[in-house]
Every structure is written in structure tokens, then in C-alpha cells.
């Protein structure tokens, strides 16, 4: 599991299910994540690694410098995913 700082994950369980989150740090049994809004960088949420879904994407260091930049980067990723899922199939 790639739980390096800056990795983008999706919450698979809990109140924040389906939400894009950025990994701040990780330990053996917990992954600390935030989104810059209701979970700011100063107060990351501890989640069980079983309850997160990896996206394979990583945020650049400048996206992790503040809550506003983090929110913007995650919003952009969500938008890219929505466009890719909503695209018509190739013929």
C-alpha cells in the first residue's frame, strides 16, 4: 500500500465515504488523512488502512502547503475523475 505523504485516497467507510483525501502520514495500523476543509492539515483524521481505496495518484508538494491549496487540488482530481467516468465510449 502506497501511503506516502501526498498520496490521494478515497474513503471506503465512515461518514466521509467516497470522499477524496490526501495522506499526511502513516503508521503500522493507521493512515492519517485530510481534505483541507472539514479535515484541515492541522487536524488529520486517523483511518484504518482497510477503509481507504488507493487512487494511484500523488499530489505535488505545493498542494500540501496549505488547506486552500489542498482543497483546490482534490477538487481538481474529483473533476477529472467525473469527466473520465462521464465520457462517452470510444467507437
C-alpha atoms as a PDB file:
ATOM      1  CA  UNK A   1       0.000   0.000   0.000  1.00  0.00           C
ATOM      2  CA  UNK A   2       1.388   3.370  -1.080  1.00  0.00           C
ATOM      3  CA  UNK A   3       0.612   5.527   1.922  1.00  0.00           C
ATOM      4  CA  UNK A   4       3.377   8.055   1.434  1.00  0.00           C
ATOM      5  CA  UNK A   5       2.619  11.671   2.250  1.00  0.00           C
ATOM      6  CA  UNK A   6       0.707  13.278  -0.608  1.00  0.00           C
ATOM      7  CA  UNK A   7      -0.916  10.076  -1.865  1.00  0.00           C
ATOM      8  CA  UNK A   8      -4.563  10.535  -2.824  1.00  0.00           C
ATOM      9  CA  UNK A   9      -7.024   8.006  -1.437  1.00  0.00           C
ATOM     10  CA  UNK A  10     -10.804   7.615  -1.330  1.00  0.00           C
ATOM     11  CA  UNK A  11     -12.530   6.878   1.936  1.00  0.00           C
ATOM     12  CA  UNK A  12     -14.252   3.493   1.722  1.00  0.00           C
ATOM     13  CA  UNK A  13     -16.084   3.623   5.057  1.00  0.00           C
ATOM     14  CA  UNK A  14     -17.370   6.072   7.622  1.00  0.00           C
ATOM     15  CA  UNK A  15     -19.076   9.451   7.418  1.00  0.00           C
ATOM     16  CA  UNK A  16     -16.626  10.545   4.748  1.00  0.00           C
ATOM     17  CA  UNK A  17     -17.229   7.508   2.487  1.00  0.00           C
ATOM     18  CA  UNK A  18     -16.488   8.314  -1.153  1.00  0.00           C
ATOM     19  CA  UNK A  19     -14.540  11.473  -0.330  1.00  0.00           C
ATOM     20  CA  UNK A  20     -11.107  12.182  -1.813  1.00  0.00           C
ATOM     21  CA  UNK A  21      -8.467  12.600   0.902  1.00  0.00           C
ATOM     22  CA  UNK A  22      -4.727  13.226   0.983  1.00  0.00           C
ATOM     23  CA  UNK A  23      -2.414  11.135   3.150  1.00  0.00           C
ATOM     24  CA  UNK A  24      -0.460  13.235   5.646  1.00  0.00           C
ATOM     25  CA  UNK A  25       1.383  10.366   7.333  1.00  0.00           C
ATOM     26  CA  UNK A  26       1.025   6.688   8.127  1.00  0.00           C
ATOM     27  CA  UNK A  27       1.923   4.257  10.867  1.00  0.00           C
ATOM     28  CA  UNK A  28       1.670   0.485  11.026  1.00  0.00           C
ATOM     29  CA  UNK A  29      -2.043   0.437  11.877  1.00  0.00           C
ATOM     30  CA  UNK A  30      -3.350   3.921  10.938  1.00  0.00           C
ATOM     31  CA  UNK A  31      -3.276   6.293   7.994  1.00  0.00           C
ATOM     32  CA  UNK A  32      -3.685   9.998   8.748  1.00  0.00           C
ATOM     33  CA  UNK A  33      -5.677  11.810   6.076  1.00  0.00           C
ATOM     34  CA  UNK A  34      -7.110  15.273   5.467  1.00  0.00           C
ATOM     35  CA  UNK A  35      -9.017  17.193   2.800  1.00  0.00           C
ATOM     36  CA  UNK A  36      -8.328  20.826   3.691  1.00  0.00           C
ATOM     37  CA  UNK A  37     -11.986  21.558   4.524  1.00  0.00           C
ATOM     38  CA  UNK A  38     -13.626  19.743   7.419  1.00  0.00           C
ATOM     39  CA  UNK A  39     -10.343  17.864   7.998  1.00  0.00           C
ATOM     40  CA  UNK A  40      -7.591  20.509   7.819  1.00  0.00           C
ATOM     41  CA  UNK A  41      -3.890  19.709   7.703  1.00  0.00           C
ATOM     42  CA  UNK A  42      -3.583  20.728  11.360  1.00  0.00           C
ATOM     43  CA  UNK A  43      -6.108  18.072  12.447  1.00  0.00           C
ATOM     44  CA  UNK A  44      -5.856  14.953  10.232  1.00  0.00           C
ATOM     45  CA  UNK A  45      -8.215  12.016  10.690  1.00  0.00           C
ATOM     46  CA  UNK A  46      -6.801   8.627  11.653  1.00  0.00           C
ATOM     47  CA  UNK A  47      -8.274   5.889   9.455  1.00  0.00           C
ATOM     48  CA  UNK A  48      -7.822   2.158   9.346  1.00  0.00           C
ATOM     49  CA  UNK A  49      -5.882   1.299   6.145  1.00  0.00           C
ATOM     50  CA  UNK A  50      -8.550  -1.284   5.305  1.00  0.00           C
ATOM     51  CA  UNK A  51     -11.072   1.562   4.952  1.00  0.00           C
ATOM     52  CA  UNK A  52      -9.261   3.521   2.246  1.00  0.00           C
ATOM     53  CA  UNK A  53      -9.075   2.955  -1.500  1.00  0.00           C
ATOM     54  CA  UNK A  54      -5.881   3.937  -3.282  1.00  0.00           C
ATOM     55  CA  UNK A  55      -6.184   6.020  -6.452  1.00  0.00           C
ATOM     56  CA  UNK A  56      -2.563   5.667  -7.540  1.00  0.00           C
ATOM     57  CA  UNK A  57      -2.250   9.457  -7.728  1.00  0.00           C
ATOM     58  CA  UNK A  58       0.060  11.676  -5.710  1.00  0.00           C
ATOM     59  CA  UNK A  59      -0.271  15.382  -5.060  1.00  0.00           C
ATOM     60  CA  UNK A  60       2.700  17.663  -5.711  1.00  0.00           C
ATOM     61  CA  UNK A  61       4.370  19.163  -2.604  1.00  0.00           C
ATOM     62  CA  UNK A  62       2.906  22.616  -3.287  1.00  0.00           C
ATOM     63  CA  UNK A  63      -0.630  21.164  -2.955  1.00  0.00           C
ATOM     64  CA  UNK A  64       0.194  20.081   0.604  1.00  0.00           C
ATOM     65  CA  UNK A  65       1.445  23.510   1.741  1.00  0.00           C
ATOM     66  CA  UNK A  66      -1.928  24.752   2.988  1.00  0.00           C
ATOM     67  CA  UNK A  67      -5.598  23.917   3.325  1.00  0.00           C
ATOM     68  CA  UNK A  68      -6.700  26.115   0.426  1.00  0.00           C
ATOM     69  CA  UNK A  69      -4.169  24.554  -1.973  1.00  0.00           C
ATOM     70  CA  UNK A  70      -5.106  21.046  -0.796  1.00  0.00           C
ATOM     71  CA  UNK A  71      -8.837  21.660  -1.270  1.00  0.00           C
ATOM     72  CA  UNK A  72      -8.223  23.004  -4.763  1.00  0.00           C
ATOM     73  CA  UNK A  73      -6.014  20.054  -5.781  1.00  0.00           C
ATOM     74  CA  UNK A  74      -8.501  17.455  -4.514  1.00  0.00           C
ATOM     75  CA  UNK A  75     -11.408  19.265  -6.201  1.00  0.00           C
ATOM     76  CA  UNK A  76      -9.468  19.212  -9.480  1.00  0.00           C
ATOM     77  CA  UNK A  77      -8.847  15.457  -9.160  1.00  0.00           C
ATOM     78  CA  UNK A  78     -12.534  14.789  -8.423  1.00  0.00           C
ATOM     79  CA  UNK A  79     -13.445  16.802 -11.520  1.00  0.00           C
ATOM     80  CA  UNK A  80     -11.036  14.832 -13.704  1.00  0.00           C
ATOM     81  CA  UNK A  81     -12.492  11.552 -12.457  1.00  0.00           C
ATOM     82  CA  UNK A  82     -16.058  12.750 -13.100  1.00  0.00           C
ATOM     83  CA  UNK A  83     -15.184  13.767 -16.657  1.00  0.00           C
ATOM     84  CA  UNK A  84     -13.414  10.480 -17.348  1.00  0.00           C
ATOM     85  CA  UNK A  85     -16.335   8.437 -15.969  1.00  0.00           C
ATOM     86  CA  UNK A  86     -18.917  10.549 -17.825  1.00  0.00           C
ATOM     87  CA  UNK A  87     -17.129  10.469 -21.212  1.00  0.00           C
ATOM     88  CA  UNK A  88     -18.943   8.633 -23.986  1.00  0.00           C
ATOM     89  CA  UNK A  89     -17.365   5.322 -25.011  1.00  0.00           C
ATOM     90  CA  UNK A  90     -14.899   5.331 -27.886  1.00  0.00           C
ATOM     91  CA  UNK A  91     -16.359   3.944 -31.143  1.00  0.00           C
END
